[in-house]
Amino acid sequence: MKYTYNGDFDLDGMVDESDAGILSAFYAPGSSYGAPGSAFEYGDCTGDGFVDDNDAGLFGVLYGLGTPGSGTQQL
């Protein structure tokens, strides 16, 4: 099993600009993408089912974590 950081939406081991692109593509405060925990691939860092300001804030904290191909534990 491989673990990754919250914010590593493309699962490449890094929280970087490609993940920022995913977050920005789906960033829509007030819009729901399903049940909590089901929207990670759409930029839901917090696991609450929404891609909103909370996710953008957490992503900012996590940006730059990881290394290519790392099997880092999810925060």
PDB file of N, CA and C in Angstrom:
ATOM      1  N   MET A   1       0.842  -1.168   0.000  1.00  0.00           N
ATOM      2  CA  MET A   1       0.000   0.000   0.000  1.00  0.00           C
ATOM      3  C   MET A   1       0.889   1.233   0.000  1.00  0.00           C
ATOM      4  N   LYS A   2       0.595   2.183  -0.842  1.00  0.00           N
ATOM      5  CA  LYS A   2       1.336   3.424  -0.920  1.00  0.00           C
ATOM      6  C   LYS A   2       0.516   4.535  -0.276  1.00  0.00           C
ATOM      7  N   TYR A   3       1.165   5.310   0.539  1.00  0.00           N
ATOM      8  CA  TYR A   3       0.519   6.458   1.170  1.00  0.00           C
ATOM      9  C   TYR A   3       1.012   7.729   0.513  1.00  0.00           C
ATOM     10  N   THR A   4       0.214   8.785   0.606  1.00  0.00           N
ATOM     11  CA  THR A   4       0.610  10.062   0.039  1.00  0.00           C
ATOM     12  C   THR A   4       0.096  11.186   0.921  1.00  0.00           C
ATOM     13  N   TYR A   5       0.525  12.390   0.628  1.00  0.00           N
ATOM     14  CA  TYR A   5       0.059  13.565   1.353  1.00  0.00           C
ATOM     15  C   TYR A   5      -1.331  13.971   0.881  1.00  0.00           C
ATOM     16  N   ASN A   6      -2.135  14.502   1.806  1.00  0.00           N
ATOM     17  CA  ASN A   6      -3.346  15.189   1.368  1.00  0.00           C
ATOM     18  C   ASN A   6      -2.856  16.303   0.454  1.00  0.00           C
ATOM     19  N   GLY A   7      -3.532  16.526  -0.634  1.00  0.00           N
ATOM     20  CA  GLY A   7      -3.114  17.536  -1.597  1.00  0.00           C
ATOM     21  C   GLY A   7      -2.372  16.951  -2.778  1.00  0.00           C
ATOM     22  N   ASP A   8      -1.933  15.700  -2.689  1.00  0.00           N
ATOM     23  CA  ASP A   8      -1.267  15.042  -3.812  1.00  0.00           C
ATOM     24  C   ASP A   8      -2.332  14.336  -4.640  1.00  0.00           C
ATOM     25  N   PHE A   9      -3.117  15.125  -5.346  1.00  0.00           N
ATOM     26  CA  PHE A   9      -4.288  14.604  -6.053  1.00  0.00           C
ATOM     27  C   PHE A   9      -3.944  13.687  -7.215  1.00  0.00           C
ATOM     28  N   ASP A  10      -2.770  13.867  -7.822  1.00  0.00           N
ATOM     29  CA  ASP A  10      -2.389  12.996  -8.931  1.00  0.00           C
ATOM     30  C   ASP A  10      -1.528  11.814  -8.480  1.00  0.00           C
ATOM     31  N   LEU A  11      -1.310  11.697  -7.172  1.00  0.00           N
ATOM     32  CA  LEU A  11      -0.633  10.561  -6.546  1.00  0.00           C
ATOM     33  C   LEU A  11       0.779  10.307  -7.084  1.00  0.00           C
ATOM     34  N   ASP A  12       1.513  11.392  -7.381  1.00  0.00           N
ATOM     35  CA  ASP A  12       2.887  11.232  -7.856  1.00  0.00           C
ATOM     36  C   ASP A  12       3.919  11.389  -6.737  1.00  0.00           C
ATOM     37  N   GLY A  13       3.462  11.528  -5.497  1.00  0.00           N
ATOM     38  CA  GLY A  13       4.360  11.649  -4.362  1.00  0.00           C
ATOM     39  C   GLY A  13       4.736  13.069  -4.000  1.00  0.00           C
ATOM     40  N   MET A  14       4.228  14.046  -4.751  1.00  0.00           N
ATOM     41  CA  MET A  14       4.542  15.448  -4.494  1.00  0.00           C
ATOM     42  C   MET A  14       3.272  16.283  -4.471  1.00  0.00           C
ATOM     43  N   VAL A  15       3.256  17.300  -3.623  1.00  0.00           N
ATOM     44  CA  VAL A  15       2.179  18.294  -3.636  1.00  0.00           C
ATOM     45  C   VAL A  15       2.756  19.481  -4.395  1.00  0.00           C
ATOM     46  N   ASP A  16       2.360  19.620  -5.657  1.00  0.00           N
ATOM     47  CA  ASP A  16       3.003  20.588  -6.533  1.00  0.00           C
ATOM     48  C   ASP A  16       2.014  21.268  -7.476  1.00  0.00           C
ATOM     49  N   GLU A  17       2.567  21.918  -8.515  1.00  0.00           N
ATOM     50  CA  GLU A  17       1.721  22.690  -9.423  1.00  0.00           C
ATOM     51  C   GLU A  17       0.720  21.840 -10.188  1.00  0.00           C
ATOM     52  N   SER A  18       1.019  20.590 -10.468  1.00  0.00           N
ATOM     53  CA  SER A  18       0.021  19.762 -11.155  1.00  0.00           C
ATOM     54  C   SER A  18      -1.181  19.501 -10.242  1.00  0.00           C
ATOM     55  N   ASP A  19      -0.930  19.376  -8.945  1.00  0.00           N
ATOM     56  CA  ASP A  19      -2.034  19.213  -7.993  1.00  0.00           C
ATOM     57  C   ASP A  19      -2.807  20.518  -7.838  1.00  0.00           C
ATOM     58  N   ALA A  20      -2.105  21.638  -7.914  1.00  0.00           N
ATOM     59  CA  ALA A  20      -2.773  22.939  -7.861  1.00  0.00           C
ATOM     60  C   ALA A  20      -3.733  23.087  -9.038  1.00  0.00           C
ATOM     61  N   GLY A  21      -3.337  22.574 -10.201  1.00  0.00           N
ATOM     62  CA  GLY A  21      -4.218  22.610 -11.364  1.00  0.00           C
ATOM     63  C   GLY A  21      -5.484  21.806 -11.149  1.00  0.00           C
ATOM     64  N   ILE A  22      -5.361  20.666 -10.503  1.00  0.00           N
ATOM     65  CA  ILE A  22      -6.538  19.842 -10.205  1.00  0.00           C
ATOM     66  C   ILE A  22      -7.453  20.569  -9.232  1.00  0.00           C
ATOM     67  N   LEU A  23      -6.864  21.125  -8.178  1.00  0.00           N
ATOM     68  CA  LEU A  23      -7.658  21.877  -7.203  1.00  0.00           C
ATOM     69  C   LEU A  23      -8.386  23.034  -7.874  1.00  0.00           C
ATOM     70  N   SER A  24      -7.681  23.803  -8.694  1.00  0.00           N
ATOM     71  CA  SER A  24      -8.310  24.974  -9.312  1.00  0.00           C
ATOM     72  C   SER A  24      -9.381  24.585 -10.326  1.00  0.00           C
ATOM     73  N   ALA A  25      -9.229  23.433 -10.972  1.00  0.00           N
ATOM     74  CA  ALA A  25     -10.232  22.998 -11.952  1.00  0.00           C
ATOM     75  C   ALA A  25     -11.568  22.678 -11.308  1.00  0.00           C
ATOM     76  N   PHE A  26     -11.537  22.229 -10.057  1.00  0.00           N
ATOM     77  CA  PHE A  26     -12.767  21.816  -9.390  1.00  0.00           C
ATOM     78  C   PHE A  26     -13.171  22.735  -8.242  1.00  0.00           C
ATOM     79  N   TYR A  27     -12.385  23.801  -8.007  1.00  0.00           N
ATOM     80  CA  TYR A  27     -12.668  24.716  -6.907  1.00  0.00           C
ATOM     81  C   TYR A  27     -13.992  25.434  -7.168  1.00  0.00           C
ATOM     82  N   ALA A  28     -14.982  25.158  -6.336  1.00  0.00           N
ATOM     83  CA  ALA A  28     -16.312  25.750  -6.491  1.00  0.00           C
ATOM     84  C   ALA A  28     -16.978  25.797  -5.122  1.00  0.00           C
ATOM     85  N   PRO A  29     -16.669  26.833  -4.311  1.00  0.00           N
ATOM     86  CA  PRO A  29     -17.260  26.897  -2.970  1.00  0.00           C
ATOM     87  C   PRO A  29     -18.771  26.690  -3.005  1.00  0.00           C
ATOM     88  N   GLY A  30     -19.242  25.805  -2.148  1.00  0.00           N
ATOM     89  CA  GLY A  30     -20.672  25.528  -2.062  1.00  0.00           C
ATOM     90  C   GLY A  30     -21.122  24.351  -2.900  1.00  0.00           C
ATOM     91  N   SER A  31     -20.253  23.844  -3.768  1.00  0.00           N
ATOM     92  CA  SER A  31     -20.614  22.702  -4.595  1.00  0.00           C
ATOM     93  C   SER A  31     -20.144  21.418  -3.934  1.00  0.00           C
ATOM     94  N   SER A  32     -20.980  20.403  -3.969  1.00  0.00           N
ATOM     95  CA  SER A  32     -20.645  19.117  -3.371  1.00  0.00           C
ATOM     96  C   SER A  32     -20.270  18.133  -4.468  1.00  0.00           C
ATOM     97  N   TYR A  33     -19.272  17.293  -4.175  1.00  0.00           N
ATOM     98  CA  TYR A  33     -18.846  16.275  -5.123  1.00  0.00           C
ATOM     99  C   TYR A  33     -19.132  14.876  -4.611  1.00  0.00           C
ATOM    100  N   GLY A  34     -20.061  14.748  -3.693  1.00  0.00           N
ATOM    101  CA  GLY A  34     -20.417  13.438  -3.180  1.00  0.00           C
ATOM    102  C   GLY A  34     -20.224  13.350  -1.681  1.00  0.00           C
ATOM    103  N   ALA A  35     -20.243  12.150  -1.199  1.00  0.00           N
ATOM    104  CA  ALA A  35     -20.111  11.913   0.240  1.00  0.00           C
ATOM    105  C   ALA A  35     -18.717  12.287   0.717  1.00  0.00           C
ATOM    106  N   PRO A  36     -18.596  12.684   1.977  1.00  0.00           N
ATOM    107  CA  PRO A  36     -17.272  12.988   2.516  1.00  0.00           C
ATOM    108  C   PRO A  36     -16.287  11.860   2.241  1.00  0.00           C
ATOM    109  N   GLY A  37     -15.079  12.255   1.839  1.00  0.00           N
ATOM    110  CA  GLY A  37     -14.037  11.279   1.542  1.00  0.00           C
ATOM    111  C   GLY A  37     -14.046  10.749   0.125  1.00  0.00           C
ATOM    112  N   SER A  38     -15.032  11.150  -0.688  1.00  0.00           N
ATOM    113  CA  SER A  38     -15.139  10.582  -2.032  1.00  0.00           C
ATOM    114  C   SER A  38     -14.610  11.496  -3.124  1.00  0.00           C
ATOM    115  N   ALA A  39     -14.142  12.688  -2.776  1.00  0.00           N
ATOM    116  CA  ALA A  39     -13.799  13.667  -3.805  1.00  0.00           C
ATOM    117  C   ALA A  39     -12.318  14.017  -3.841  1.00  0.00           C
ATOM    118  N   PHE A  40     -11.433  13.171  -3.301  1.00  0.00           N
ATOM    119  CA  PHE A  40     -10.010  13.482  -3.262  1.00  0.00           C
ATOM    120  C   PHE A  40      -9.454  13.779  -4.642  1.00  0.00           C
ATOM    121  N   GLU A  41      -9.819  12.989  -5.637  1.00  0.00           N
ATOM    122  CA  GLU A  41      -9.285  13.189  -6.982  1.00  0.00           C
ATOM    123  C   GLU A  41      -9.758  14.502  -7.607  1.00  0.00           C
ATOM    124  N   TYR A  42     -10.731  15.160  -6.985  1.00  0.00           N
ATOM    125  CA  TYR A  42     -11.227  16.442  -7.468  1.00  0.00           C
ATOM    126  C   TYR A  42     -10.670  17.620  -6.671  1.00  0.00           C
ATOM    127  N   GLY A  43      -9.785  17.383  -5.726  1.00  0.00           N
ATOM    128  CA  GLY A  43      -9.183  18.471  -4.968  1.00  0.00           C
ATOM    129  C   GLY A  43      -9.717  18.639  -3.563  1.00  0.00           C
ATOM    130  N   ASP A  44     -10.363  17.635  -3.020  1.00  0.00           N
ATOM    131  CA  ASP A  44     -10.936  17.723  -1.675  1.00  0.00           C
ATOM    132  C   ASP A  44      -9.896  17.283  -0.643  1.00  0.00           C
ATOM    133  N   CYS A  45      -9.055  18.206  -0.185  1.00  0.00           N
ATOM    134  CA  CYS A  45      -8.008  17.906   0.818  1.00  0.00           C
ATOM    135  C   CYS A  45      -8.599  17.503   2.158  1.00  0.00           C
ATOM    136  N   THR A  46      -9.711  18.105   2.519  1.00  0.00           N
ATOM    137  CA  THR A  46     -10.259  17.929   3.861  1.00  0.00           C
ATOM    138  C   THR A  46     -11.166  16.716   3.990  1.00  0.00           C
ATOM    139  N   GLY A  47     -11.605  16.142   2.880  1.00  0.00           N
ATOM    140  CA  GLY A  47     -12.449  14.963   2.920  1.00  0.00           C
ATOM    141  C   GLY A  47     -13.882  15.216   3.343  1.00  0.00           C
ATOM    142  N   ASP A  48     -14.338  16.461   3.178  1.00  0.00           N
ATOM    143  CA  ASP A  48     -15.699  16.788   3.603  1.00  0.00           C
ATOM    144  C   ASP A  48     -16.721  16.755   2.466  1.00  0.00           C
ATOM    145  N   GLY A  49     -16.281  16.377   1.250  1.00  0.00           N
ATOM    146  CA  GLY A  49     -17.198  16.309   0.119  1.00  0.00           C
ATOM    147  C   GLY A  49     -17.332  17.606  -0.651  1.00  0.00           C
ATOM    148  N   PHE A  50     -16.568  18.623  -0.254  1.00  0.00           N
ATOM    149  CA  PHE A  50     -16.597  19.920  -0.918  1.00  0.00           C
ATOM    150  C   PHE A  50     -15.185  20.325  -1.323  1.00  0.00           C
ATOM    151  N   VAL A  51     -15.060  21.068  -2.413  1.00  0.00           N
ATOM    152  CA  VAL A  51     -13.786  21.661  -2.804  1.00  0.00           C
ATOM    153  C   VAL A  51     -13.978  23.162  -2.647  1.00  0.00           C
ATOM    154  N   ASP A  52     -13.468  23.686  -1.524  1.00  0.00           N
ATOM    155  CA  ASP A  52     -13.773  25.062  -1.145  1.00  0.00           C
ATOM    156  C   ASP A  52     -12.570  25.748  -0.504  1.00  0.00           C
ATOM    157  N   ASP A  53     -12.818  26.864   0.181  1.00  0.00           N
ATOM    158  CA  ASP A  53     -11.745  27.634   0.798  1.00  0.00           C
ATOM    159  C   ASP A  53     -10.939  26.818   1.801  1.00  0.00           C
ATOM    160  N   ASN A  54     -11.580  25.909   2.505  1.00  0.00           N
ATOM    161  CA  ASN A  54     -10.862  25.070   3.466  1.00  0.00           C
ATOM    162  C   ASN A  54      -9.814  24.208   2.758  1.00  0.00           C
ATOM    163  N   ASP A  55     -10.164  23.688   1.597  1.00  0.00           N
ATOM    164  CA  ASP A  55      -9.224  22.876   0.833  1.00  0.00           C
ATOM    165  C   ASP A  55      -8.089  23.734   0.282  1.00  0.00           C
ATOM    166  N   ALA A  56      -8.414  24.913  -0.202  1.00  0.00           N
ATOM    167  CA  ALA A  56      -7.381  25.813  -0.724  1.00  0.00           C
ATOM    168  C   ALA A  56      -6.394  26.192   0.381  1.00  0.00           C
ATOM    169  N   GLY A  57      -6.903  26.455   1.576  1.00  0.00           N
ATOM    170  CA  GLY A  57      -6.029  26.808   2.698  1.00  0.00           C
ATOM    171  C   GLY A  57      -5.126  25.662   3.097  1.00  0.00           C
ATOM    172  N   LEU A  58      -5.677  24.461   3.207  1.00  0.00           N
ATOM    173  CA  LEU A  58      -4.873  23.301   3.567  1.00  0.00           C
ATOM    174  C   LEU A  58      -3.861  22.993   2.476  1.00  0.00           C
ATOM    175  N   PHE A  59      -4.270  23.126   1.229  1.00  0.00           N
ATOM    176  CA  PHE A  59      -3.347  22.878   0.123  1.00  0.00           C
ATOM    177  C   PHE A  59      -2.156  23.832   0.201  1.00  0.00           C
ATOM    178  N   GLY A  60      -2.412  25.078   0.548  1.00  0.00           N
ATOM    179  CA  GLY A  60      -1.324  26.046   0.685  1.00  0.00           C
ATOM    180  C   GLY A  60      -0.315  25.636   1.738  1.00  0.00           C
ATOM    181  N   VAL A  61      -0.783  25.057   2.819  1.00  0.00           N
ATOM    182  CA  VAL A  61       0.101  24.581   3.889  1.00  0.00           C
ATOM    183  C   VAL A  61       0.918  23.377   3.412  1.00  0.00           C
ATOM    184  N   LEU A  62       0.301  22.502   2.643  1.00  0.00           N
ATOM    185  CA  LEU A  62       0.930  21.256   2.219  1.00  0.00           C
ATOM    186  C   LEU A  62       1.794  21.398   0.970  1.00  0.00           C
ATOM    187  N   TYR A  63       1.641  22.490   0.234  1.00  0.00           N
ATOM    188  CA  TYR A  63       2.350  22.669  -1.040  1.00  0.00           C
ATOM    189  C   TYR A  63       3.855  22.515  -0.849  1.00  0.00           C
ATOM    190  N   GLY A  64       4.467  21.731  -1.686  1.00  0.00           N
ATOM    191  CA  GLY A  64       5.906  21.522  -1.647  1.00  0.00           C
ATOM    192  C   GLY A  64       6.332  20.271  -0.894  1.00  0.00           C
ATOM    193  N   LEU A  65       5.410  19.551  -0.284  1.00  0.00           N
ATOM    194  CA  LEU A  65       5.760  18.336   0.436  1.00  0.00           C
ATOM    195  C   LEU A  65       5.969  17.174  -0.525  1.00  0.00           C
ATOM    196  N   GLY A  66       6.827  16.253  -0.135  1.00  0.00           N
ATOM    197  CA  GLY A  66       7.031  15.025  -0.891  1.00  0.00           C
ATOM    198  C   GLY A  66       8.210  15.098  -1.841  1.00  0.00           C
ATOM    199  N   THR A  67       8.517  13.960  -2.393  1.00  0.00           N
ATOM    200  CA  THR A  67       9.563  13.816  -3.403  1.00  0.00           C
ATOM    201  C   THR A  67       9.035  12.899  -4.477  1.00  0.00           C
ATOM    202  N   PRO A  68       9.540  12.995  -5.703  1.00  0.00           N
ATOM    203  CA  PRO A  68       9.040  12.133  -6.772  1.00  0.00           C
ATOM    204  C   PRO A  68       9.117  10.659  -6.399  1.00  0.00           C
ATOM    205  N   GLY A  69       7.987   9.977  -6.547  1.00  0.00           N
ATOM    206  CA  GLY A  69       7.931   8.551  -6.299  1.00  0.00           C
ATOM    207  C   GLY A  69       7.975   8.154  -4.835  1.00  0.00           C
ATOM    208  N   SER A  70       7.861   9.115  -3.951  1.00  0.00           N
ATOM    209  CA  SER A  70       7.936   8.773  -2.522  1.00  0.00           C
ATOM    210  C   SER A  70       6.682   8.066  -2.060  1.00  0.00           C
ATOM    211  N   GLY A  71       6.829   7.223  -1.088  1.00  0.00           N
ATOM    212  CA  GLY A  71       5.695   6.551  -0.471  1.00  0.00           C
ATOM    213  C   GLY A  71       5.464   7.173   0.890  1.00  0.00           C
ATOM    214  N   THR A  72       5.077   8.431   0.916  1.00  0.00           N
ATOM    215  CA  THR A  72       4.940   9.170   2.158  1.00  0.00           C
ATOM    216  C   THR A  72       3.597   8.914   2.791  1.00  0.00           C
ATOM    217  N   GLN A  73       3.539   9.021   4.081  1.00  0.00           N
ATOM    218  CA  GLN A  73       2.306   8.767   4.808  1.00  0.00           C
ATOM    219  C   GLN A  73       1.368   9.952   4.700  1.00  0.00           C
ATOM    220  N   GLN A  74       0.091   9.702   4.524  1.00  0.00           N
ATOM    221  CA  GLN A  74      -0.915  10.753   4.408  1.00  0.00           C
ATOM    222  C   GLN A  74      -1.033  11.500   5.714  1.00  0.00           C
ATOM    223  N   LEU A  75      -1.076  12.840   5.634  1.00  0.00           N
ATOM    224  CA  LEU A  75      -1.239  13.684   6.817  1.00  0.00           C
ATOM    225  C   LEU A  75      -2.689  13.909   7.128  1.00  0.00           C
TER     226      LEU A  75
END
